[in-house]
């Protein structure tokens, strides 16, 4: 059952947030209203789910593009590992939205599964890329070092490890922060 709201109500609050969030605009999920399954009819839930999956997919694609550029721009194993570790910050952000407490439990579960499947696929693709390097004739010792770095900085660690405040961590898909220089 839907109600009449002059501002579009909870549905519009979520859709507006998702559009801003997907576009990497400032958007805080903390103020989003809770949605109950009985609040809307099935067609409305389908539309809202499409908005959610589209926003999550957009952020994951942007995240992956930034990760690839960052990895390609590294010069050594330390930098490659740092980029992988920092990239997990962006994954925590995406996973947090999929598991937002304002969403019904059944929807949170499905969204979390979709996000986690994508993360697993990116990790597997990075592994396959290393196999391709061997076939292209790259020194196997270099590839093995890269494989160890990849496994030490596994993207799927976001499934079990909670983000810790880290001054060096950043979301590579987030818009650049404005730097304030004191006078």
C-alpha atoms as a PDB file:
ATOM      1  CA  UNK A   1       0.000   0.000   0.000  1.00  0.00           C
ATOM      2  CA  UNK A   2       1.375   3.392  -0.906  1.00  0.00           C
ATOM      3  CA  UNK A   3       0.598   6.679   0.789  1.00  0.00           C
ATOM      4  CA  UNK A   4       0.500  10.174  -0.558  1.00  0.00           C
ATOM      5  CA  UNK A   5       3.458  12.344   0.317  1.00  0.00           C
ATOM      6  CA  UNK A   6       4.070  15.828  -0.968  1.00  0.00           C
ATOM      7  CA  UNK A   7       7.812  15.180  -1.096  1.00  0.00           C
ATOM      8  CA  UNK A   8       7.586  11.707  -2.658  1.00  0.00           C
ATOM      9  CA  UNK A   9       7.967   9.970   0.680  1.00  0.00           C
ATOM     10  CA  UNK A  10      10.416   7.210   1.530  1.00  0.00           C
ATOM     11  CA  UNK A  11      10.443   5.826  -2.015  1.00  0.00           C
ATOM     12  CA  UNK A  12      11.536   9.150  -3.481  1.00  0.00           C
ATOM     13  CA  UNK A  13      14.087   9.654  -0.692  1.00  0.00           C
ATOM     14  CA  UNK A  14      15.707   6.349  -1.625  1.00  0.00           C
ATOM     15  CA  UNK A  15      15.568   6.961  -5.391  1.00  0.00           C
ATOM     16  CA  UNK A  16      17.047  10.439  -5.036  1.00  0.00           C
ATOM     17  CA  UNK A  17      19.786   9.113  -2.777  1.00  0.00           C
ATOM     18  CA  UNK A  18      20.575   6.255  -5.181  1.00  0.00           C
ATOM     19  CA  UNK A  19      20.890   8.615  -8.133  1.00  0.00           C
ATOM     20  CA  UNK A  20      23.291  10.887  -6.238  1.00  0.00           C
ATOM     21  CA  UNK A  21      25.233   7.966  -4.774  1.00  0.00           C
ATOM     22  CA  UNK A  22      25.632   6.264  -8.170  1.00  0.00           C
ATOM     23  CA  UNK A  23      26.853   9.566  -9.658  1.00  0.00           C
ATOM     24  CA  UNK A  24      29.461   9.830  -6.852  1.00  0.00           C
ATOM     25  CA  UNK A  25      27.791  12.943  -5.507  1.00  0.00           C
ATOM     26  CA  UNK A  26      27.731  13.573  -1.760  1.00  0.00           C
ATOM     27  CA  UNK A  27      25.011  11.326  -0.345  1.00  0.00           C
ATOM     28  CA  UNK A  28      24.699  10.094   3.220  1.00  0.00           C
ATOM     29  CA  UNK A  29      22.795   6.820   3.632  1.00  0.00           C
ATOM     30  CA  UNK A  30      22.370   7.407   7.386  1.00  0.00           C
ATOM     31  CA  UNK A  31      19.253   9.526   6.893  1.00  0.00           C
ATOM     32  CA  UNK A  32      17.419   7.082   4.643  1.00  0.00           C
ATOM     33  CA  UNK A  33      14.033   5.962   5.953  1.00  0.00           C
ATOM     34  CA  UNK A  34      13.302   2.334   6.735  1.00  0.00           C
ATOM     35  CA  UNK A  35      11.229   0.508   4.137  1.00  0.00           C
ATOM     36  CA  UNK A  36       8.810  -2.252   5.108  1.00  0.00           C
ATOM     37  CA  UNK A  37       7.676  -4.938   2.703  1.00  0.00           C
ATOM     38  CA  UNK A  38       3.998  -4.140   3.264  1.00  0.00           C
ATOM     39  CA  UNK A  39       4.630  -0.468   2.522  1.00  0.00           C
ATOM     40  CA  UNK A  40       4.452  -0.890  -1.269  1.00  0.00           C
ATOM     41  CA  UNK A  41       2.884  -3.135  -3.859  1.00  0.00           C
ATOM     42  CA  UNK A  42       4.988  -5.607  -5.857  1.00  0.00           C
ATOM     43  CA  UNK A  43       5.379  -3.300  -8.888  1.00  0.00           C
ATOM     44  CA  UNK A  44       6.818  -0.556  -6.691  1.00  0.00           C
ATOM     45  CA  UNK A  45       9.257  -3.009  -5.104  1.00  0.00           C
ATOM     46  CA  UNK A  46      10.356  -4.128  -8.568  1.00  0.00           C
ATOM     47  CA  UNK A  47      11.063  -0.510  -9.550  1.00  0.00           C
ATOM     48  CA  UNK A  48      12.885   0.222  -6.305  1.00  0.00           C
ATOM     49  CA  UNK A  49      14.937  -2.961  -6.657  1.00  0.00           C
ATOM     50  CA  UNK A  50      15.873  -1.899 -10.194  1.00  0.00           C
ATOM     51  CA  UNK A  51      17.044   1.473  -8.849  1.00  0.00           C
ATOM     52  CA  UNK A  52      19.075  -0.276  -6.148  1.00  0.00           C
ATOM     53  CA  UNK A  53      20.724  -2.800  -8.459  1.00  0.00           C
ATOM     54  CA  UNK A  54      21.431  -0.133 -11.063  1.00  0.00           C
ATOM     55  CA  UNK A  55      23.105   2.133  -8.483  1.00  0.00           C
ATOM     56  CA  UNK A  56      25.123  -0.736  -7.022  1.00  0.00           C
ATOM     57  CA  UNK A  57      26.180  -1.879 -10.482  1.00  0.00           C
ATOM     58  CA  UNK A  58      27.166   1.651 -11.514  1.00  0.00           C
ATOM     59  CA  UNK A  59      29.322   2.061  -8.406  1.00  0.00           C
ATOM     60  CA  UNK A  60      30.924  -1.365  -8.877  1.00  0.00           C
ATOM     61  CA  UNK A  61      31.743  -0.658 -12.523  1.00  0.00           C
ATOM     62  CA  UNK A  62      33.204   2.752 -11.615  1.00  0.00           C
ATOM     63  CA  UNK A  63      35.146   1.149  -8.767  1.00  0.00           C
ATOM     64  CA  UNK A  64      36.534  -1.574 -11.067  1.00  0.00           C
ATOM     65  CA  UNK A  65      37.557   0.958 -13.733  1.00  0.00           C
ATOM     66  CA  UNK A  66      39.401   3.038 -11.145  1.00  0.00           C
ATOM     67  CA  UNK A  67      41.051  -0.064  -9.704  1.00  0.00           C
ATOM     68  CA  UNK A  68      42.326  -1.181 -13.110  1.00  0.00           C
ATOM     69  CA  UNK A  69      43.733   2.284 -13.834  1.00  0.00           C
ATOM     70  CA  UNK A  70      45.354   2.423 -10.397  1.00  0.00           C
ATOM     71  CA  UNK A  71      46.881  -1.052 -10.756  1.00  0.00           C
ATOM     72  CA  UNK A  72      48.161  -0.267 -14.237  1.00  0.00           C
ATOM     73  CA  UNK A  73      49.781   2.899 -12.885  1.00  0.00           C
ATOM     74  CA  UNK A  74      51.826   1.128 -10.223  1.00  0.00           C
ATOM     75  CA  UNK A  75      55.567   0.621 -10.511  1.00  0.00           C
ATOM     76  CA  UNK A  76      56.218  -2.045  -7.873  1.00  0.00           C
ATOM     77  CA  UNK A  77      54.612  -4.773  -5.782  1.00  0.00           C
ATOM     78  CA  UNK A  78      54.195  -2.555  -2.743  1.00  0.00           C
ATOM     79  CA  UNK A  79      52.190  -0.022  -4.769  1.00  0.00           C
ATOM     80  CA  UNK A  80      50.147  -2.774  -6.400  1.00  0.00           C
ATOM     81  CA  UNK A  81      49.284  -4.219  -2.995  1.00  0.00           C
ATOM     82  CA  UNK A  82      48.482  -0.782  -1.600  1.00  0.00           C
ATOM     83  CA  UNK A  83      46.029  -0.134  -4.445  1.00  0.00           C
ATOM     84  CA  UNK A  84      44.299  -3.449  -3.775  1.00  0.00           C
ATOM     85  CA  UNK A  85      44.085  -2.752  -0.049  1.00  0.00           C
ATOM     86  CA  UNK A  86      42.776   0.759  -0.607  1.00  0.00           C
ATOM     87  CA  UNK A  87      40.263  -0.475  -3.162  1.00  0.00           C
ATOM     88  CA  UNK A  88      38.558  -2.482  -0.436  1.00  0.00           C
ATOM     89  CA  UNK A  89      37.403   0.816   1.077  1.00  0.00           C
ATOM     90  CA  UNK A  90      35.184   1.336  -1.952  1.00  0.00           C
ATOM     91  CA  UNK A  91      33.881  -2.201  -1.634  1.00  0.00           C
ATOM     92  CA  UNK A  92      32.949  -1.637   2.000  1.00  0.00           C
ATOM     93  CA  UNK A  93      30.909   1.376   0.894  1.00  0.00           C
ATOM     94  CA  UNK A  94      29.036  -0.649  -1.736  1.00  0.00           C
ATOM     95  CA  UNK A  95      28.482  -3.595   0.598  1.00  0.00           C
ATOM     96  CA  UNK A  96      27.209  -1.242   3.309  1.00  0.00           C
ATOM     97  CA  UNK A  97      24.516   0.078   0.995  1.00  0.00           C
ATOM     98  CA  UNK A  98      23.473  -3.435  -0.054  1.00  0.00           C
ATOM     99  CA  UNK A  99      23.107  -4.322   3.637  1.00  0.00           C
ATOM    100  CA  UNK A 100      21.463  -1.034   4.668  1.00  0.00           C
ATOM    101  CA  UNK A 101      19.283  -1.646   7.735  1.00  0.00           C
ATOM    102  CA  UNK A 102      16.477   0.406   6.189  1.00  0.00           C
ATOM    103  CA  UNK A 103      15.896  -2.282   3.567  1.00  0.00           C
ATOM    104  CA  UNK A 104      13.824  -5.400   4.223  1.00  0.00           C
ATOM    105  CA  UNK A 105      15.947  -8.386   5.248  1.00  0.00           C
ATOM    106  CA  UNK A 106      15.072 -10.448   2.157  1.00  0.00           C
ATOM    107  CA  UNK A 107      16.145  -7.643  -0.180  1.00  0.00           C
ATOM    108  CA  UNK A 108      19.356  -7.009   1.784  1.00  0.00           C
ATOM    109  CA  UNK A 109      20.274 -10.671   1.419  1.00  0.00           C
ATOM    110  CA  UNK A 110      19.738 -10.685  -2.337  1.00  0.00           C
ATOM    111  CA  UNK A 111      21.636  -7.428  -2.845  1.00  0.00           C
ATOM    112  CA  UNK A 112      24.543  -8.552  -0.666  1.00  0.00           C
ATOM    113  CA  UNK A 113      24.767 -11.778  -2.642  1.00  0.00           C
ATOM    114  CA  UNK A 114      24.837  -9.869  -5.951  1.00  0.00           C
ATOM    115  CA  UNK A 115      27.574  -7.515  -4.707  1.00  0.00           C
ATOM    116  CA  UNK A 116      29.650 -10.330  -3.238  1.00  0.00           C
ATOM    117  CA  UNK A 117      29.377 -12.298  -6.493  1.00  0.00           C
ATOM    118  CA  UNK A 118      30.743  -9.287  -8.391  1.00  0.00           C
ATOM    119  CA  UNK A 119      33.637  -8.898  -5.963  1.00  0.00           C
ATOM    120  CA  UNK A 120      34.449 -12.602  -6.296  1.00  0.00           C
ATOM    121  CA  UNK A 121      34.388 -12.270 -10.092  1.00  0.00           C
ATOM    122  CA  UNK A 122      36.815  -9.320 -10.037  1.00  0.00           C
ATOM    123  CA  UNK A 123      39.190 -11.271  -7.786  1.00  0.00           C
ATOM    124  CA  UNK A 124      38.983 -14.278 -10.131  1.00  0.00           C
ATOM    125  CA  UNK A 125      39.590 -12.049 -13.171  1.00  0.00           C
ATOM    126  CA  UNK A 126      42.726 -10.615 -11.588  1.00  0.00           C
ATOM    127  CA  UNK A 127      43.917 -14.185 -10.984  1.00  0.00           C
ATOM    128  CA  UNK A 128      43.169 -15.120 -14.629  1.00  0.00           C
ATOM    129  CA  UNK A 129      45.071 -12.054 -15.814  1.00  0.00           C
ATOM    130  CA  UNK A 130      48.150 -13.388 -14.023  1.00  0.00           C
ATOM    131  CA  UNK A 131      47.783 -16.702 -15.843  1.00  0.00           C
ATOM    132  CA  UNK A 132      47.637 -14.752 -19.110  1.00  0.00           C
ATOM    133  CA  UNK A 133      50.914 -13.039 -18.152  1.00  0.00           C
ATOM    134  CA  UNK A 134      52.605 -16.424 -17.897  1.00  0.00           C
ATOM    135  CA  UNK A 135      51.277 -17.420 -21.332  1.00  0.00           C
ATOM    136  CA  UNK A 136      52.645 -14.153 -22.753  1.00  0.00           C
ATOM    137  CA  UNK A 137      56.078 -15.046 -21.491  1.00  0.00           C
ATOM    138  CA  UNK A 138      56.361 -12.865 -18.408  1.00  0.00           C
ATOM    139  CA  UNK A 139      58.971 -14.117 -15.962  1.00  0.00           C
ATOM    140  CA  UNK A 140      57.133 -16.680 -13.772  1.00  0.00           C
ATOM    141  CA  UNK A 141      58.924 -15.365 -10.664  1.00  0.00           C
ATOM    142  CA  UNK A 142      57.458 -11.905 -11.242  1.00  0.00           C
ATOM    143  CA  UNK A 143      54.019 -13.383 -11.815  1.00  0.00           C
ATOM    144  CA  UNK A 144      54.300 -15.458  -8.631  1.00  0.00           C
ATOM    145  CA  UNK A 145      55.222 -12.345  -6.620  1.00  0.00           C
ATOM    146  CA  UNK A 146      52.210 -10.570  -8.089  1.00  0.00           C
ATOM    147  CA  UNK A 147      49.996 -13.566  -7.278  1.00  0.00           C
ATOM    148  CA  UNK A 148      51.203 -13.509  -3.668  1.00  0.00           C
ATOM    149  CA  UNK A 149      50.493  -9.765  -3.470  1.00  0.00           C
ATOM    150  CA  UNK A 150      47.012 -10.350  -4.908  1.00  0.00           C
ATOM    151  CA  UNK A 151      46.255 -13.094  -2.407  1.00  0.00           C
ATOM    152  CA  UNK A 152      47.688 -11.093   0.508  1.00  0.00           C
ATOM    153  CA  UNK A 153      45.345  -8.244  -0.447  1.00  0.00           C
ATOM    154  CA  UNK A 154      42.359 -10.351  -1.457  1.00  0.00           C
ATOM    155  CA  UNK A 155      39.334  -8.257  -2.394  1.00  0.00           C
ATOM    156  CA  UNK A 156      37.018 -10.875  -0.929  1.00  0.00           C
ATOM    157  CA  UNK A 157      38.438 -10.056   2.510  1.00  0.00           C
ATOM    158  CA  UNK A 158      35.697  -7.427   2.582  1.00  0.00           C
ATOM    159  CA  UNK A 159      33.286 -10.297   3.315  1.00  0.00           C
ATOM    160  CA  UNK A 160      34.797 -10.898   6.749  1.00  0.00           C
ATOM    161  CA  UNK A 161      36.942  -7.901   7.647  1.00  0.00           C
ATOM    162  CA  UNK A 162      35.262  -4.729   8.834  1.00  0.00           C
ATOM    163  CA  UNK A 163      36.812  -1.470   7.695  1.00  0.00           C
ATOM    164  CA  UNK A 164      39.035   0.194  10.248  1.00  0.00           C
ATOM    165  CA  UNK A 165      39.617   3.916  10.247  1.00  0.00           C
ATOM    166  CA  UNK A 166      42.714   4.295   8.132  1.00  0.00           C
ATOM    167  CA  UNK A 167      44.225   7.603   7.172  1.00  0.00           C
ATOM    168  CA  UNK A 168      45.672   6.023   4.016  1.00  0.00           C
ATOM    169  CA  UNK A 169      42.471   4.334   2.866  1.00  0.00           C
ATOM    170  CA  UNK A 170      40.248   5.923   0.286  1.00  0.00           C
ATOM    171  CA  UNK A 171      37.500   5.026  -2.126  1.00  0.00           C
ATOM    172  CA  UNK A 172      39.132   5.232  -5.582  1.00  0.00           C
ATOM    173  CA  UNK A 173      35.714   5.744  -7.153  1.00  0.00           C
ATOM    174  CA  UNK A 174      34.840   8.661  -4.882  1.00  0.00           C
ATOM    175  CA  UNK A 175      35.145  12.204  -6.204  1.00  0.00           C
ATOM    176  CA  UNK A 176      38.353  13.958  -5.197  1.00  0.00           C
ATOM    177  CA  UNK A 177      38.244  15.704  -1.863  1.00  0.00           C
ATOM    178  CA  UNK A 178      38.695  19.416  -1.663  1.00  0.00           C
ATOM    179  CA  UNK A 179      41.966  20.292  -0.034  1.00  0.00           C
ATOM    180  CA  UNK A 180      41.865  23.087   2.528  1.00  0.00           C
ATOM    181  CA  UNK A 181      45.129  24.833   3.155  1.00  0.00           C
ATOM    182  CA  UNK A 182      45.248  26.865   6.387  1.00  0.00           C
ATOM    183  CA  UNK A 183      46.279  30.459   6.020  1.00  0.00           C
END
